[in-house]
Amino acid sequence: MTLPAGLSQGRPLLLVTPEQVLEIFLVSIAAGVIGALFGLGGGILIIPFLTLVEGVPVQFAIGASLVSVVATSSASAATYVQDHLTNLRLGMFLETGTVAGALTGAYVAIYFQGPNEWILFILFGAMLLYAAAVMISERRIDFPSGVTPDRVARTLKLGGEYTDESTGKVVKYEVTRTPQTLSISYLAGIVSGLLGVGGGVIKVPTMNLVSRIPVKVASATSNFMIGVTAAASASVYFLRGEVHPLLAAPLMIGVVAGAAVGTRLLRRTPPTRVKVLFAVLLAFVALNMILRGLNVRLG
């Protein structure tokens, strides 16, 4: 199924049917669950669905996805903050890098439209495969121990604690290598602006494996951050007329509903299982996006 495209005053015109609006809404519920559970914003499902199934031009898919990422973050962040899963200090510190990267990515994205779209598909797939491999290899490191906070972390008091509902234990943790994580957060912001995925696909593994914080804290903190990151990028797409209301509206409603379920799942799911599910999901989507970029279709 495709969305007919034409031209209106020099801009692409998308004709969205009621059936497609319903399909987008239903998929967005699943995207909201996954986005809230893994701190990814749901873009890793929304972008492939809109482009591969509905035939939406990639710039419109990214614009709609970014708006839905803001909705996912808004729906789940409050719950995670209340549960003390979100590390607010770390999130605000890293957000300075991701917002700058998001604006950079949104402005650069215009050079990857039309015949150059395949570059974005392959880039997206490669990023997801990398994240999947890292999460699988480090899946048993649920609660990093023996972490020595660096100077920045000590000054900003970035360490924290939370109660893990799956074990009933209070988990205390420290944060390290914050300058390196800030640099990678800038790259995550660029990916968000280019691909409409909120940047969580990079931030969650980075916070867990570089800064050595528990995966649930990484996911919750990413959920807090992605809304601001996506809003910065979405503003650029909106000004370019690439946020279509009939794509964005059902996505926003659906992801909010799904995010309510995802937040409950994260609180009760063992960390190792979160990592494994995260990696399997990323690998599946990565394969489809790389094949799309190479103009190869499964089946």
Protein backbone atom coordinates (compact mmCIF):
# COMPACT_ATOMS: atom_id res chain seq x y z
CA MET A 1 0.00 0.00 0.00
CA THR A 2 1.34 3.42 -0.87
CA LEU A 3 0.40 7.02 -0.25
CA PRO A 4 -0.22 8.87 -3.54
CA ALA A 5 2.12 11.78 -3.97
CA GLY A 6 1.83 14.88 -6.09
CA LEU A 7 2.95 18.51 -6.02
CA SER A 8 1.25 21.51 -4.51
CA GLN A 9 3.03 24.86 -4.74
CA GLY A 10 6.33 23.08 -5.14
CA ARG A 11 5.84 20.80 -2.11
CA PRO A 12 4.97 17.10 -2.05
CA LEU A 13 1.27 16.40 -1.42
CA LEU A 14 0.32 13.25 0.48
CA LEU A 15 -3.17 11.80 0.22
CA VAL A 16 -3.93 9.73 3.32
CA THR A 17 -6.99 7.44 3.35
CA PRO A 18 -9.09 6.67 6.47
CA GLU A 19 -7.90 3.05 6.29
CA GLN A 20 -4.29 4.18 6.43
CA VAL A 21 -5.01 6.46 9.37
CA LEU A 22 -6.42 3.45 11.26
CA GLU A 23 -3.42 1.27 10.33
CA ILE A 24 -1.01 3.96 11.48
CA PHE A 25 -2.90 4.35 14.76
CA LEU A 26 -2.77 0.61 15.52
CA VAL A 27 0.94 0.34 14.75
CA SER A 28 1.64 3.43 16.83
CA ILE A 29 0.24 1.68 19.93
CA ALA A 30 2.90 -1.02 19.58
CA ALA A 31 5.48 1.70 18.90
CA GLY A 32 4.47 3.45 22.12
CA VAL A 33 4.91 0.26 24.14
CA ILE A 34 8.36 -0.38 22.67
CA GLY A 35 9.37 3.26 22.89
CA ALA A 36 8.53 3.55 26.59
CA LEU A 37 9.99 0.14 27.44
CA PHE A 38 13.35 0.67 25.74
CA GLY A 39 13.70 4.47 25.79
CA LEU A 40 13.69 4.70 22.00
CA GLY A 41 10.61 6.81 21.34
CA GLY A 42 9.01 4.26 19.02
CA GLY A 43 10.70 5.62 15.91
CA ILE A 44 12.39 2.30 15.14
CA LEU A 45 8.96 0.88 14.33
CA ILE A 46 7.27 3.97 12.96
CA ILE A 47 9.92 4.86 10.37
CA PRO A 48 10.09 1.36 8.80
CA PHE A 49 6.28 1.01 8.83
CA LEU A 50 5.60 4.36 7.19
CA THR A 51 8.31 3.96 4.57
CA LEU A 52 8.26 0.21 3.88
CA VAL A 53 4.54 -0.52 4.27
CA GLU A 54 2.72 2.75 3.61
CA GLY A 55 5.20 4.14 1.07
CA VAL A 56 5.56 7.51 2.79
CA PRO A 57 8.53 9.60 1.58
CA VAL A 58 11.25 9.37 4.20
CA GLN A 59 11.25 13.07 5.14
CA PHE A 60 7.52 12.96 5.98
CA ALA A 61 7.99 9.71 7.92
CA ILE A 62 10.78 11.29 9.95
CA GLY A 63 8.76 14.45 10.61
CA ALA A 64 5.75 12.47 11.88
CA SER A 65 7.97 10.15 13.91
CA LEU A 66 9.69 13.04 15.67
CA VAL A 67 6.32 14.43 16.76
CA SER A 68 5.32 11.01 18.09
CA VAL A 69 8.62 10.75 19.98
CA VAL A 70 7.72 13.94 21.87
CA ALA A 71 4.36 12.35 22.75
CA THR A 72 5.99 9.11 23.93
CA SER A 73 8.43 10.99 26.14
CA SER A 74 5.68 13.13 27.65
CA ALA A 75 3.53 10.08 28.40
CA SER A 76 6.22 7.98 30.07
CA ALA A 77 8.65 10.45 31.63
CA ALA A 78 6.40 11.44 34.55
CA THR A 79 5.99 7.83 35.70
CA TYR A 80 9.71 7.10 35.53
CA VAL A 81 10.56 10.28 37.43
CA GLN A 82 8.09 9.34 40.16
CA ASP A 83 9.71 5.89 40.44
CA HIS A 84 13.20 7.50 40.67
CA LEU A 85 14.29 5.54 37.61
CA THR A 86 15.07 8.71 35.67
CA ASN A 87 18.40 10.37 36.44
CA LEU A 88 17.35 13.98 35.92
CA ARG A 89 20.79 15.49 36.52
CA LEU A 90 22.46 13.17 34.02
CA GLY A 91 19.66 13.65 31.50
CA MET A 92 19.88 17.45 31.58
CA PHE A 93 23.67 17.32 31.34
CA LEU A 94 23.66 15.03 28.30
CA GLU A 95 20.78 16.89 26.68
CA THR A 96 23.04 19.87 25.94
CA GLY A 97 24.90 17.63 23.50
CA THR A 98 21.89 15.87 22.01
CA VAL A 99 19.94 19.06 21.27
CA ALA A 100 22.94 20.55 19.45
CA GLY A 101 23.28 17.31 17.49
CA ALA A 102 19.56 17.15 16.74
CA LEU A 103 19.57 20.61 15.17
CA THR A 104 22.65 19.66 13.15
CA GLY A 105 21.02 16.44 11.92
CA ALA A 106 17.74 18.11 10.99
CA TYR A 107 19.48 20.69 8.81
CA VAL A 108 21.77 18.10 7.20
CA ALA A 109 18.85 15.73 6.46
CA ILE A 110 17.76 17.78 3.45
CA TYR A 111 20.82 16.50 1.56
CA PHE A 112 19.67 12.89 1.98
CA GLN A 113 16.26 13.14 0.32
CA GLY A 114 15.11 11.84 -3.06
CA PRO A 115 17.72 9.66 -4.79
CA ASN A 116 19.96 9.79 -1.71
CA GLU A 117 17.38 8.24 0.65
CA TRP A 118 19.12 4.87 0.49
CA ILE A 119 21.99 6.34 2.51
CA LEU A 120 19.65 7.02 5.43
CA PHE A 121 18.17 3.51 5.33
CA ILE A 122 21.59 1.86 5.42
CA LEU A 123 22.87 4.28 8.09
CA PHE A 124 19.80 3.56 10.21
CA GLY A 125 20.25 -0.20 9.82
CA ALA A 126 23.95 -0.09 10.63
CA MET A 127 23.31 1.90 13.81
CA LEU A 128 20.68 -0.59 14.95
CA LEU A 129 22.92 -3.59 14.25
CA TYR A 130 25.72 -2.02 16.27
CA ALA A 131 23.44 -1.36 19.21
CA ALA A 132 22.02 -4.90 19.06
CA ALA A 133 25.48 -6.49 19.06
CA VAL A 134 26.65 -4.41 22.01
CA MET A 135 23.55 -5.10 24.10
CA ILE A 136 23.78 -8.86 23.49
CA SER A 137 27.48 -8.99 24.35
CA GLU A 138 26.89 -7.10 27.62
CA ARG A 139 23.50 -8.57 28.48
CA ARG A 140 24.61 -9.99 31.85
CA ILE A 141 25.79 -6.66 33.22
CA ASP A 142 22.49 -5.69 34.84
CA PHE A 143 23.79 -3.65 37.75
CA PRO A 144 27.39 -2.45 37.08
CA SER A 145 29.48 -2.59 40.25
CA GLY A 146 32.80 -1.08 41.27
CA VAL A 147 32.14 2.08 39.27
CA THR A 148 34.29 5.07 40.25
CA PRO A 149 32.63 8.40 39.40
CA ASP A 150 34.73 10.86 37.41
CA ARG A 151 35.28 14.49 38.34
CA VAL A 152 32.27 15.78 36.40
CA ALA A 153 29.98 13.15 37.90
CA ARG A 154 31.16 13.95 41.42
CA THR A 155 30.77 17.71 40.91
CA LEU A 156 27.26 17.40 39.46
CA LYS A 157 26.29 14.58 41.85
CA LEU A 158 25.12 12.34 39.03
CA GLY A 159 24.93 9.12 41.02
CA GLY A 160 21.59 7.82 42.25
CA GLU A 161 19.46 4.93 43.45
CA TYR A 162 16.10 3.29 42.76
CA THR A 163 14.06 0.28 43.84
CA ASP A 164 13.94 -2.47 41.22
CA GLU A 165 10.41 -3.91 41.25
CA SER A 166 11.51 -7.15 39.55
CA THR A 167 13.87 -7.98 42.46
CA GLY A 168 12.57 -5.79 45.28
CA LYS A 169 16.10 -4.51 45.93
CA VAL A 170 17.38 -0.94 46.25
CA VAL A 171 20.00 -0.37 43.55
CA LYS A 172 22.65 2.30 44.11
CA TYR A 173 24.85 3.34 41.19
CA GLU A 174 27.53 5.84 40.14
CA VAL A 175 28.24 7.48 36.79
CA THR A 176 31.62 7.53 35.03
CA ARG A 177 33.19 8.70 31.74
CA THR A 178 30.65 11.51 31.43
CA PRO A 179 32.68 13.60 28.91
CA GLN A 180 32.82 10.61 26.52
CA THR A 181 29.09 10.02 26.98
CA LEU A 182 28.39 13.70 26.26
CA SER A 183 30.33 13.47 22.98
CA ILE A 184 28.43 10.36 21.93
CA SER A 185 25.18 12.12 22.89
CA TYR A 186 25.95 14.76 20.28
CA LEU A 187 26.21 12.00 17.68
CA ALA A 188 22.94 10.55 19.00
CA GLY A 189 21.32 13.92 18.44
CA ILE A 190 22.53 13.97 14.84
CA VAL A 191 21.03 10.50 14.31
CA SER A 192 17.76 11.75 15.80
CA GLY A 193 17.60 14.70 13.44
CA LEU A 194 18.51 12.55 10.43
CA LEU A 195 16.37 9.52 11.14
CA GLY A 196 13.57 10.63 13.45
CA VAL A 197 14.27 8.00 16.13
CA GLY A 198 14.85 10.20 19.17
CA GLY A 199 18.50 9.18 19.52
CA GLY A 200 17.70 6.58 22.18
CA VAL A 201 19.05 3.83 19.96
CA ILE A 202 22.50 5.19 20.77
CA LYS A 203 21.94 6.84 24.15
CA VAL A 204 20.62 3.76 25.97
CA PRO A 205 23.60 1.50 25.12
CA THR A 206 26.00 4.40 25.73
CA MET A 207 24.70 5.23 29.19
CA ASN A 208 24.67 1.56 30.14
CA LEU A 209 28.02 0.53 28.68
CA VAL A 210 30.07 3.74 28.81
CA SER A 211 28.72 5.56 31.86
CA ARG A 212 27.99 2.19 33.54
CA ILE A 213 24.49 2.94 34.83
CA PRO A 214 21.80 0.21 35.08
CA VAL A 215 19.91 -0.48 31.85
CA LYS A 216 16.55 0.47 33.37
CA VAL A 217 17.94 3.85 34.45
CA ALA A 218 19.41 4.31 30.97
CA SER A 219 16.04 3.57 29.37
CA ALA A 220 14.08 5.84 31.71
CA THR A 221 16.60 8.68 31.37
CA SER A 222 16.55 8.30 27.59
CA ASN A 223 12.75 8.59 27.66
CA PHE A 224 13.11 11.86 29.54
CA MET A 225 15.69 13.18 27.07
CA ILE A 226 14.21 12.12 23.73
CA GLY A 227 11.25 14.47 23.99
CA VAL A 228 13.48 17.55 24.11
CA THR A 229 15.80 16.16 21.43
CA ALA A 230 12.93 15.30 19.09
CA ALA A 231 11.22 18.65 19.65
CA ALA A 232 14.36 20.46 18.51
CA SER A 233 14.50 18.40 15.31
CA ALA A 234 10.74 18.43 14.71
CA SER A 235 10.68 22.22 14.68
CA VAL A 236 12.96 22.22 11.64
CA TYR A 237 10.82 19.64 9.80
CA PHE A 238 7.67 21.60 10.70
CA LEU A 239 9.09 24.82 9.27
CA ARG A 240 9.91 22.94 6.05
CA GLY A 241 6.30 21.72 5.80
CA GLU A 242 7.29 18.07 6.35
CA VAL A 243 5.02 17.30 9.32
CA HIS A 244 1.77 15.93 7.85
CA PRO A 245 -1.19 16.21 10.31
CA LEU A 246 -2.89 12.99 9.14
CA LEU A 247 0.32 11.10 9.83
CA ALA A 248 1.29 12.84 13.07
CA ALA A 249 -2.13 12.91 14.77
CA PRO A 250 -2.88 9.14 14.86
CA LEU A 251 0.74 8.48 15.77
CA MET A 252 0.58 10.80 18.77
CA ILE A 253 -2.67 9.31 20.09
CA GLY A 254 -1.48 5.73 19.62
CA VAL A 255 1.96 6.13 21.18
CA VAL A 256 0.53 7.79 24.28
CA ALA A 257 -1.76 4.78 24.81
CA GLY A 258 1.09 2.34 24.18
CA ALA A 259 3.51 4.23 26.41
CA ALA A 260 1.21 3.72 29.40
CA VAL A 261 1.64 -0.05 28.94
CA GLY A 262 5.38 0.18 28.25
CA THR A 263 6.13 2.02 31.49
CA ARG A 264 4.47 -0.74 33.53
CA LEU A 265 6.40 -3.43 31.68
CA LEU A 266 9.79 -1.80 32.26
CA ARG A 267 9.21 -1.53 35.99
CA ARG A 268 8.43 -5.25 36.30
CA THR A 269 10.71 -6.85 33.68
CA PRO A 270 14.12 -8.31 34.73
CA PRO A 271 16.99 -6.22 33.27
CA THR A 272 18.58 -9.11 31.34
CA ARG A 273 15.32 -9.77 29.55
CA VAL A 274 15.02 -6.08 28.68
CA LYS A 275 18.44 -6.18 27.04
CA VAL A 276 17.78 -9.35 25.05
CA LEU A 277 14.38 -8.15 23.79
CA PHE A 278 15.94 -4.82 22.94
CA ALA A 279 18.67 -6.46 20.85
CA VAL A 280 16.33 -8.84 18.99
CA LEU A 281 14.04 -5.96 18.05
CA LEU A 282 16.91 -3.81 16.81
CA ALA A 283 18.39 -6.61 14.71
CA PHE A 284 15.06 -7.36 13.00
CA VAL A 285 14.38 -3.75 12.10
CA ALA A 286 18.02 -3.22 11.04
CA LEU A 287 17.82 -6.07 8.54
CA ASN A 288 14.69 -4.65 6.93
CA MET A 289 16.08 -1.13 6.69
CA ILE A 290 19.40 -2.24 5.17
CA LEU A 291 17.59 -4.38 2.59
CA ARG A 292 15.39 -1.39 1.74
CA GLY A 293 18.49 0.76 1.28
CA LEU A 294 19.95 -1.89 -1.03
CA ASN A 295 16.61 -2.12 -2.87
CA VAL A 296 16.15 -5.75 -1.81
CA ARG A 297 12.83 -6.98 -0.39
CA LEU A 298 12.25 -10.07 1.73
CA GLY A 299 9.86 -12.56 0.13
